[in-house]
Protein backbone atom coordinates (compact mmCIF):
# COMPACT_ATOMS: atom_id res chain seq x y z
CA UNK A 1 0.00 0.00 0.00
CA UNK A 2 1.30 3.42 -0.91
CA UNK A 3 1.68 5.93 1.91
CA UNK A 4 -0.63 8.91 1.77
CA UNK A 5 1.25 12.17 1.28
CA UNK A 6 -0.19 15.28 2.91
CA UNK A 7 1.65 18.56 2.68
CA UNK A 8 1.72 19.77 6.32
CA UNK A 9 1.32 23.34 5.03
CA UNK A 10 -2.15 22.39 3.78
CA UNK A 11 -3.31 21.77 7.38
CA UNK A 12 -4.18 25.45 7.64
CA UNK A 13 -7.57 25.55 9.41
CA UNK A 14 -7.67 25.79 13.19
CA UNK A 15 -10.43 23.55 14.59
CA UNK A 16 -11.59 22.41 17.98
CA UNK A 17 -12.56 18.79 18.59
CA UNK A 18 -15.53 18.24 20.90
CA UNK A 19 -17.32 15.21 22.31
CA UNK A 20 -21.12 15.04 22.57
CA UNK A 21 -22.96 15.43 25.88
CA UNK A 22 -23.55 12.20 27.77
CA UNK A 23 -25.54 13.37 30.79
CA UNK A 24 -28.93 11.69 31.25
CA UNK A 25 -31.70 14.29 31.47
CA UNK A 26 -34.01 11.98 33.47
CA UNK A 27 -36.58 11.74 30.66
CA UNK A 28 -34.81 9.32 28.35
CA UNK A 29 -32.76 11.97 26.55
CA UNK A 30 -29.36 13.53 26.85
CA UNK A 31 -28.65 16.93 28.35
CA UNK A 32 -25.58 19.06 28.60
CA UNK A 33 -23.16 20.74 26.29
CA UNK A 34 -20.37 19.63 24.00
CA UNK A 35 -17.06 19.06 25.82
CA UNK A 36 -13.78 20.48 24.48
CA UNK A 37 -11.13 17.83 23.71
CA UNK A 38 -8.40 19.60 21.72
CA UNK A 39 -7.50 22.42 19.36
CA UNK A 40 -5.81 21.18 16.21
CA UNK A 41 -4.80 22.03 12.67
CA UNK A 42 -6.67 20.48 9.76
CA UNK A 43 -7.41 20.63 6.06
CA UNK A 44 -11.08 21.17 5.19
CA UNK A 45 -12.42 20.21 1.78
CA UNK A 46 -16.10 20.94 1.06
CA UNK A 47 -17.52 18.08 -1.00
CA UNK A 48 -21.20 18.60 -1.75
CA UNK A 49 -24.45 20.17 -0.63
CA UNK A 50 -27.82 18.53 -1.11
CA UNK A 51 -31.17 20.09 -0.35
CA UNK A 52 -33.45 17.78 1.64
CA UNK A 53 -36.62 17.85 3.69
CA UNK A 54 -36.53 16.16 7.09
CA UNK A 55 -39.65 16.07 9.28
CA UNK A 56 -41.14 18.96 7.32
CA UNK A 57 -38.08 21.16 7.67
CA UNK A 58 -35.87 22.11 4.74
CA UNK A 59 -32.20 21.25 5.32
CA UNK A 60 -29.14 21.61 3.17
CA UNK A 61 -26.53 19.23 4.60
CA UNK A 62 -23.03 20.11 3.45
CA UNK A 63 -20.44 17.35 3.54
CA UNK A 64 -16.76 17.96 4.16
CA UNK A 65 -13.60 15.89 4.18
CA UNK A 66 -11.35 16.90 7.07
CA UNK A 67 -7.75 15.67 7.31
CA UNK A 68 -5.91 15.88 10.64
CA UNK A 69 -2.79 14.38 12.15
CA UNK A 70 -3.47 10.97 13.67
CA UNK A 71 -5.18 10.85 17.06
CA UNK A 72 -6.44 7.69 18.71
CA UNK A 73 -9.35 9.43 20.47
CA UNK A 74 -11.34 10.64 17.44
CA UNK A 75 -14.69 8.86 17.12
CA UNK A 76 -17.91 8.90 15.13
CA UNK A 77 -20.48 11.47 16.44
CA UNK A 78 -17.83 13.83 17.81
CA UNK A 79 -17.62 17.18 16.07
CA UNK A 80 -15.17 19.76 14.86
CA UNK A 81 -15.96 23.44 15.30
CA UNK A 82 -14.61 25.88 12.73
CA UNK A 83 -15.64 29.54 12.74
CA UNK A 84 -18.76 28.79 14.82
CA UNK A 85 -19.82 25.98 12.47
CA UNK A 86 -20.34 22.49 13.85
CA UNK A 87 -19.08 19.68 11.62
CA UNK A 88 -20.34 16.33 12.96
CA UNK A 89 -18.08 13.36 12.25
CA UNK A 90 -19.89 10.60 10.32
CA UNK A 91 -16.88 8.37 9.54
CA UNK A 92 -13.20 8.21 10.54
CA UNK A 93 -10.47 6.34 8.69
CA UNK A 94 -6.70 6.01 8.59
CA UNK A 95 -6.27 6.09 4.79
CA UNK A 96 -3.03 4.10 4.57
CA UNK A 97 -2.93 2.49 8.06
CA UNK A 98 0.28 4.34 8.89
CA UNK A 99 -1.09 6.25 11.91
CA UNK A 100 0.12 9.53 10.41
CA UNK A 101 -3.19 11.11 9.36
CA UNK A 102 -6.92 10.65 9.84
CA UNK A 103 -9.54 11.48 7.26
CA UNK A 104 -12.95 12.34 8.70
CA UNK A 105 -16.14 12.54 6.66
CA UNK A 106 -18.22 15.26 8.30
CA UNK A 107 -21.61 16.84 7.85
CA UNK A 108 -22.81 20.35 8.57
CA UNK A 109 -26.55 20.95 8.57
CA UNK A 110 -27.59 24.39 7.48
CA UNK A 111 -31.20 25.56 7.53
């Protein structure tokens, strides 16, 4: 397998990584706020935007590919925050299994 090459200078967006709230609200739901994990550098690539209707509301989910240096604590359902935009992680992969970089497929829902 060929190693993935990422120019470190292309990791030029400053993001924060956050984990979702996990406090039980006593009514079967989850309460609380997102918890800060780390500030890191990343490359953000917008991929596509598709207009959709969910439960009667119009949404335009925008998908992004975010590349970061490898971290073992990044999981599905966490989110990155960039310029007050929440980018929820839908999938995480190590593209060449070298533990150098992670590629995260993320989604941002915009009304």
